[in-house]
Amino acid sequence: MDQAKGSVGRKLKVVDPYNQDIKFVTEVTAETLKGKSTKQVSFTVTETIFGIPVTSETLNLR
């Protein structure tokens, strides 16, 4: 799979086709929480088969 690189304040979406029917969708969001110096990053990978999301895993870091 490809790497997903982004910057704070910008959403990123990468689609990696495995074959014609299966693809992996990676979505990354990174933001600064309001009024704080704290950063929050959310990383989600979803496996889609025939256009239907089958499995999804999300990792949140703060």
PDB file of N, CA and C in Angstrom:
ATOM      1  N   MET A   1       0.838  -1.191   0.000  1.00  0.00           N
ATOM      2  CA  MET A   1       0.000   0.000   0.000  1.00  0.00           C
ATOM      3  C   MET A   1       0.877   1.246   0.000  1.00  0.00           C
ATOM      4  N   ASP A   2       0.346   2.312  -0.536  1.00  0.00           N
ATOM      5  CA  ASP A   2       1.059   3.582  -0.571  1.00  0.00           C
ATOM      6  C   ASP A   2       1.106   4.208   0.812  1.00  0.00           C
ATOM      7  N   GLN A   3       1.963   5.174   0.957  1.00  0.00           N
ATOM      8  CA  GLN A   3       2.041   5.921   2.208  1.00  0.00           C
ATOM      9  C   GLN A   3       1.066   7.085   2.145  1.00  0.00           C
ATOM     10  N   ALA A   4       0.566   7.475   3.296  1.00  0.00           N
ATOM     11  CA  ALA A   4      -0.344   8.613   3.392  1.00  0.00           C
ATOM     12  C   ALA A   4       0.364   9.704   4.181  1.00  0.00           C
ATOM     13  N   LYS A   5       0.770  10.762   3.493  1.00  0.00           N
ATOM     14  CA  LYS A   5       1.455  11.869   4.145  1.00  0.00           C
ATOM     15  C   LYS A   5       0.590  13.114   4.009  1.00  0.00           C
ATOM     16  N   GLY A   6       0.531  13.883   5.060  1.00  0.00           N
ATOM     17  CA  GLY A   6      -0.260  15.106   5.017  1.00  0.00           C
ATOM     18  C   GLY A   6       0.286  16.122   5.981  1.00  0.00           C
ATOM     19  N   SER A   7      -0.481  17.162   6.179  1.00  0.00           N
ATOM     20  CA  SER A   7      -0.083  18.200   7.117  1.00  0.00           C
ATOM     21  C   SER A   7      -1.262  18.525   8.015  1.00  0.00           C
ATOM     22  N   VAL A   8      -0.991  19.205   9.125  1.00  0.00           N
ATOM     23  CA  VAL A   8      -2.027  19.569  10.081  1.00  0.00           C
ATOM     24  C   VAL A   8      -2.989  20.536   9.406  1.00  0.00           C
ATOM     25  N   GLY A   9      -4.287  20.291   9.574  1.00  0.00           N
ATOM     26  CA  GLY A   9      -5.310  21.149   9.009  1.00  0.00           C
ATOM     27  C   GLY A   9      -5.747  20.754   7.606  1.00  0.00           C
ATOM     28  N   ARG A  10      -5.239  19.654   7.097  1.00  0.00           N
ATOM     29  CA  ARG A  10      -5.577  19.222   5.735  1.00  0.00           C
ATOM     30  C   ARG A  10      -5.951  17.742   5.747  1.00  0.00           C
ATOM     31  N   LYS A  11      -7.107  17.393   5.188  1.00  0.00           N
ATOM     32  CA  LYS A  11      -7.526  15.991   5.099  1.00  0.00           C
ATOM     33  C   LYS A  11      -6.851  15.337   3.907  1.00  0.00           C
ATOM     34  N   LEU A  12      -6.638  14.041   4.010  1.00  0.00           N
ATOM     35  CA  LEU A  12      -5.977  13.283   2.956  1.00  0.00           C
ATOM     36  C   LEU A  12      -6.726  11.971   2.733  1.00  0.00           C
ATOM     37  N   LYS A  13      -6.937  11.606   1.473  1.00  0.00           N
ATOM     38  CA  LYS A  13      -7.601  10.344   1.140  1.00  0.00           C
ATOM     39  C   LYS A  13      -6.802   9.675   0.031  1.00  0.00           C
ATOM     40  N   VAL A  14      -6.409   8.398   0.256  1.00  0.00           N
ATOM     41  CA  VAL A  14      -5.644   7.618  -0.709  1.00  0.00           C
ATOM     42  C   VAL A  14      -6.420   6.333  -0.985  1.00  0.00           C
ATOM     43  N   VAL A  15      -6.614   6.010  -2.269  1.00  0.00           N
ATOM     44  CA  VAL A  15      -7.306   4.778  -2.658  1.00  0.00           C
ATOM     45  C   VAL A  15      -6.293   3.858  -3.339  1.00  0.00           C
ATOM     46  N   ASP A  16      -6.110   2.652  -2.763  1.00  0.00           N
ATOM     47  CA  ASP A  16      -5.201   1.653  -3.312  1.00  0.00           C
ATOM     48  C   ASP A  16      -6.020   0.477  -3.839  1.00  0.00           C
ATOM     49  N   PRO A  17      -6.152   0.344  -5.174  1.00  0.00           N
ATOM     50  CA  PRO A  17      -6.894  -0.811  -5.700  1.00  0.00           C
ATOM     51  C   PRO A  17      -6.066  -2.095  -5.580  1.00  0.00           C
ATOM     52  N   TYR A  18      -6.665  -3.120  -5.017  1.00  0.00           N
ATOM     53  CA  TYR A  18      -6.027  -4.436  -4.926  1.00  0.00           C
ATOM     54  C   TYR A  18      -6.255  -5.188  -6.229  1.00  0.00           C
ATOM     55  N   ASN A  19      -7.494  -5.144  -6.692  1.00  0.00           N
ATOM     56  CA  ASN A  19      -7.868  -5.643  -8.016  1.00  0.00           C
ATOM     57  C   ASN A  19      -9.117  -4.872  -8.440  1.00  0.00           C
ATOM     58  N   GLN A  20      -9.835  -5.356  -9.459  1.00  0.00           N
ATOM     59  CA  GLN A  20     -10.981  -4.615  -9.966  1.00  0.00           C
ATOM     60  C   GLN A  20     -12.093  -4.483  -8.929  1.00  0.00           C
ATOM     61  N   ASP A  21     -12.238  -5.452  -8.040  1.00  0.00           N
ATOM     62  CA  ASP A  21     -13.352  -5.471  -7.095  1.00  0.00           C
ATOM     63  C   ASP A  21     -13.001  -5.046  -5.677  1.00  0.00           C
ATOM     64  N   ILE A  22     -11.720  -5.078  -5.323  1.00  0.00           N
ATOM     65  CA  ILE A  22     -11.303  -4.797  -3.948  1.00  0.00           C
ATOM     66  C   ILE A  22     -10.375  -3.593  -3.931  1.00  0.00           C
ATOM     67  N   LYS A  23     -10.624  -2.673  -2.989  1.00  0.00           N
ATOM     68  CA  LYS A  23      -9.730  -1.534  -2.827  1.00  0.00           C
ATOM     69  C   LYS A  23      -9.615  -1.181  -1.348  1.00  0.00           C
ATOM     70  N   PHE A  24      -8.500  -0.550  -1.010  1.00  0.00           N
ATOM     71  CA  PHE A  24      -8.246  -0.089   0.349  1.00  0.00           C
ATOM     72  C   PHE A  24      -8.268   1.431   0.329  1.00  0.00           C
ATOM     73  N   VAL A  25      -9.092   2.020   1.188  1.00  0.00           N
ATOM     74  CA  VAL A  25      -9.230   3.470   1.256  1.00  0.00           C
ATOM     75  C   VAL A  25      -8.620   3.933   2.576  1.00  0.00           C
ATOM     76  N   THR A  26      -7.621   4.799   2.488  1.00  0.00           N
ATOM     77  CA  THR A  26      -6.961   5.350   3.670  1.00  0.00           C
ATOM     78  C   THR A  26      -7.332   6.815   3.787  1.00  0.00           C
ATOM     79  N   GLU A  27      -7.845   7.215   4.960  1.00  0.00           N
ATOM     80  CA  GLU A  27      -8.201   8.608   5.202  1.00  0.00           C
ATOM     81  C   GLU A  27      -7.459   9.092   6.450  1.00  0.00           C
ATOM     82  N   VAL A  28      -6.828  10.241   6.333  1.00  0.00           N
ATOM     83  CA  VAL A  28      -6.072  10.813   7.443  1.00  0.00           C
ATOM     84  C   VAL A  28      -6.550  12.237   7.675  1.00  0.00           C
ATOM     85  N   THR A  29      -6.820  12.570   8.942  1.00  0.00           N
ATOM     86  CA  THR A  29      -7.112  13.955   9.317  1.00  0.00           C
ATOM     87  C   THR A  29      -6.184  14.333  10.458  1.00  0.00           C
ATOM     88  N   ALA A  30      -5.694  15.534  10.435  1.00  0.00           N
ATOM     89  CA  ALA A  30      -4.839  16.049  11.507  1.00  0.00           C
ATOM     90  C   ALA A  30      -5.276  17.469  11.780  1.00  0.00           C
ATOM     91  N   GLU A  31      -5.500  17.790  13.045  1.00  0.00           N
ATOM     92  CA  GLU A  31      -5.968  19.126  13.389  1.00  0.00           C
ATOM     93  C   GLU A  31      -5.430  19.559  14.745  1.00  0.00           C
ATOM     94  N   THR A  32      -5.407  20.845  14.950  1.00  0.00           N
ATOM     95  CA  THR A  32      -5.083  21.415  16.251  1.00  0.00           C
ATOM     96  C   THR A  32      -6.407  21.655  16.960  1.00  0.00           C
ATOM     97  N   LEU A  33      -6.548  21.145  18.171  1.00  0.00           N
ATOM     98  CA  LEU A  33      -7.785  21.343  18.916  1.00  0.00           C
ATOM     99  C   LEU A  33      -7.936  22.815  19.287  1.00  0.00           C
ATOM    100  N   LYS A  34      -9.167  23.300  19.259  1.00  0.00           N
ATOM    101  CA  LYS A  34      -9.437  24.724  19.473  1.00  0.00           C
ATOM    102  C   LYS A  34      -8.878  25.227  20.803  1.00  0.00           C
ATOM    103  N   GLY A  35      -8.115  26.319  20.715  1.00  0.00           N
ATOM    104  CA  GLY A  35      -7.593  26.976  21.899  1.00  0.00           C
ATOM    105  C   GLY A  35      -6.509  26.206  22.630  1.00  0.00           C
ATOM    106  N   LYS A  36      -5.968  25.164  22.030  1.00  0.00           N
ATOM    107  CA  LYS A  36      -4.967  24.348  22.705  1.00  0.00           C
ATOM    108  C   LYS A  36      -3.783  24.133  21.773  1.00  0.00           C
ATOM    109  N   SER A  37      -2.679  23.722  22.350  1.00  0.00           N
ATOM    110  CA  SER A  37      -1.529  23.367  21.523  1.00  0.00           C
ATOM    111  C   SER A  37      -1.546  21.867  21.208  1.00  0.00           C
ATOM    112  N   THR A  38      -2.629  21.195  21.609  1.00  0.00           N
ATOM    113  CA  THR A  38      -2.756  19.756  21.407  1.00  0.00           C
ATOM    114  C   THR A  38      -3.131  19.447  19.961  1.00  0.00           C
ATOM    115  N   LYS A  39      -2.481  18.454  19.389  1.00  0.00           N
ATOM    116  CA  LYS A  39      -2.782  17.992  18.035  1.00  0.00           C
ATOM    117  C   LYS A  39      -3.549  16.676  18.131  1.00  0.00           C
ATOM    118  N   GLN A  40      -4.457  16.459  17.208  1.00  0.00           N
ATOM    119  CA  GLN A  40      -5.195  15.204  17.142  1.00  0.00           C
ATOM    120  C   GLN A  40      -5.087  14.666  15.726  1.00  0.00           C
ATOM    121  N   VAL A  41      -4.694  13.393  15.599  1.00  0.00           N
ATOM    122  CA  VAL A  41      -4.549  12.747  14.302  1.00  0.00           C
ATOM    123  C   VAL A  41      -5.453  11.517  14.280  1.00  0.00           C
ATOM    124  N   SER A  42      -6.224  11.371  13.206  1.00  0.00           N
ATOM    125  CA  SER A  42      -7.093  10.215  13.016  1.00  0.00           C
ATOM    126  C   SER A  42      -6.681   9.523  11.726  1.00  0.00           C
ATOM    127  N   PHE A  43      -6.459   8.212  11.788  1.00  0.00           N
ATOM    128  CA  PHE A  43      -6.001   7.419  10.652  1.00  0.00           C
ATOM    129  C   PHE A  43      -6.965   6.256  10.484  1.00  0.00           C
ATOM    130  N   THR A  44      -7.642   6.190   9.343  1.00  0.00           N
ATOM    131  CA  THR A  44      -8.633   5.141   9.097  1.00  0.00           C
ATOM    132  C   THR A  44      -8.311   4.408   7.803  1.00  0.00           C
ATOM    133  N   VAL A  45      -8.351   3.071   7.849  1.00  0.00           N
ATOM    134  CA  VAL A  45      -8.194   2.245   6.654  1.00  0.00           C
ATOM    135  C   VAL A  45      -9.457   1.398   6.522  1.00  0.00           C
ATOM    136  N   THR A  46     -10.075   1.441   5.346  1.00  0.00           N
ATOM    137  CA  THR A  46     -11.299   0.684   5.082  1.00  0.00           C
ATOM    138  C   THR A  46     -11.086  -0.212   3.874  1.00  0.00           C
ATOM    139  N   GLU A  47     -11.457  -1.487   4.006  1.00  0.00           N
ATOM    140  CA  GLU A  47     -11.417  -2.419   2.881  1.00  0.00           C
ATOM    141  C   GLU A  47     -12.801  -2.433   2.245  1.00  0.00           C
ATOM    142  N   THR A  48     -12.859  -2.221   0.937  1.00  0.00           N
ATOM    143  CA  THR A  48     -14.124  -2.181   0.215  1.00  0.00           C
ATOM    144  C   THR A  48     -14.144  -3.279  -0.832  1.00  0.00           C
ATOM    145  N   ILE A  49     -15.206  -4.080  -0.836  1.00  0.00           N
ATOM    146  CA  ILE A  49     -15.365  -5.143  -1.822  1.00  0.00           C
ATOM    147  C   ILE A  49     -16.679  -4.900  -2.563  1.00  0.00           C
ATOM    148  N   PHE A  50     -16.617  -4.836  -3.881  1.00  0.00           N
ATOM    149  CA  PHE A  50     -17.771  -4.546  -4.730  1.00  0.00           C
ATOM    150  C   PHE A  50     -18.476  -3.260  -4.297  1.00  0.00           C
ATOM    151  N   GLY A  51     -17.702  -2.258  -3.876  1.00  0.00           N
ATOM    152  CA  GLY A  51     -18.258  -0.969  -3.480  1.00  0.00           C
ATOM    153  C   GLY A  51     -18.873  -0.941  -2.090  1.00  0.00           C
ATOM    154  N   ILE A  52     -18.766  -2.041  -1.337  1.00  0.00           N
ATOM    155  CA  ILE A  52     -19.354  -2.118   0.004  1.00  0.00           C
ATOM    156  C   ILE A  52     -18.232  -2.138   1.027  1.00  0.00           C
ATOM    157  N   PRO A  53     -18.225  -1.185   1.990  1.00  0.00           N
ATOM    158  CA  PRO A  53     -17.212  -1.216   3.053  1.00  0.00           C
ATOM    159  C   PRO A  53     -17.393  -2.476   3.907  1.00  0.00           C
ATOM    160  N   VAL A  54     -16.328  -3.290   3.994  1.00  0.00           N
ATOM    161  CA  VAL A  54     -16.417  -4.560   4.707  1.00  0.00           C
ATOM    162  C   VAL A  54     -15.769  -4.462   6.081  1.00  0.00           C
ATOM    163  N   THR A  55     -14.547  -3.996   6.133  1.00  0.00           N
ATOM    164  CA  THR A  55     -13.856  -3.807   7.416  1.00  0.00           C
ATOM    165  C   THR A  55     -13.262  -2.411   7.455  1.00  0.00           C
ATOM    166  N   SER A  56     -13.190  -1.869   8.652  1.00  0.00           N
ATOM    167  CA  SER A  56     -12.618  -0.546   8.834  1.00  0.00           C
ATOM    168  C   SER A  56     -11.915  -0.506  10.188  1.00  0.00           C
ATOM    169  N   GLU A  57     -10.753   0.121  10.212  1.00  0.00           N
ATOM    170  CA  GLU A  57     -10.010   0.267  11.455  1.00  0.00           C
ATOM    171  C   GLU A  57      -9.572   1.712  11.584  1.00  0.00           C
ATOM    172  N   THR A  58      -9.775   2.290  12.760  1.00  0.00           N
ATOM    173  CA  THR A  58      -9.424   3.692  13.007  1.00  0.00           C
ATOM    174  C   THR A  58      -8.474   3.776  14.190  1.00  0.00           C
ATOM    175  N   LEU A  59      -7.452   4.585  14.042  1.00  0.00           N
ATOM    176  CA  LEU A  59      -6.483   4.860  15.101  1.00  0.00           C
ATOM    177  C   LEU A  59      -6.519   6.355  15.370  1.00  0.00           C
ATOM    178  N   ASN A  60      -6.801   6.751  16.611  1.00  0.00           N
ATOM    179  CA  ASN A  60      -6.820   8.157  16.997  1.00  0.00           C
ATOM    180  C   ASN A  60      -5.666   8.439  17.948  1.00  0.00           C
ATOM    181  N   LEU A  61      -4.902   9.469  17.655  1.00  0.00           N
ATOM    182  CA  LEU A  61      -3.793   9.883  18.506  1.00  0.00           C
ATOM    183  C   LEU A  61      -4.021  11.317  18.940  1.00  0.00           C
ATOM    184  N   ARG A  62      -3.744  11.596  20.197  1.00  0.00           N
ATOM    185  CA  ARG A  62      -3.886  12.957  20.697  1.00  0.00           C
ATOM    186  C   ARG A  62      -2.645  13.289  21.483  1.00  0.00           C
TER     187      ARG A  62
END
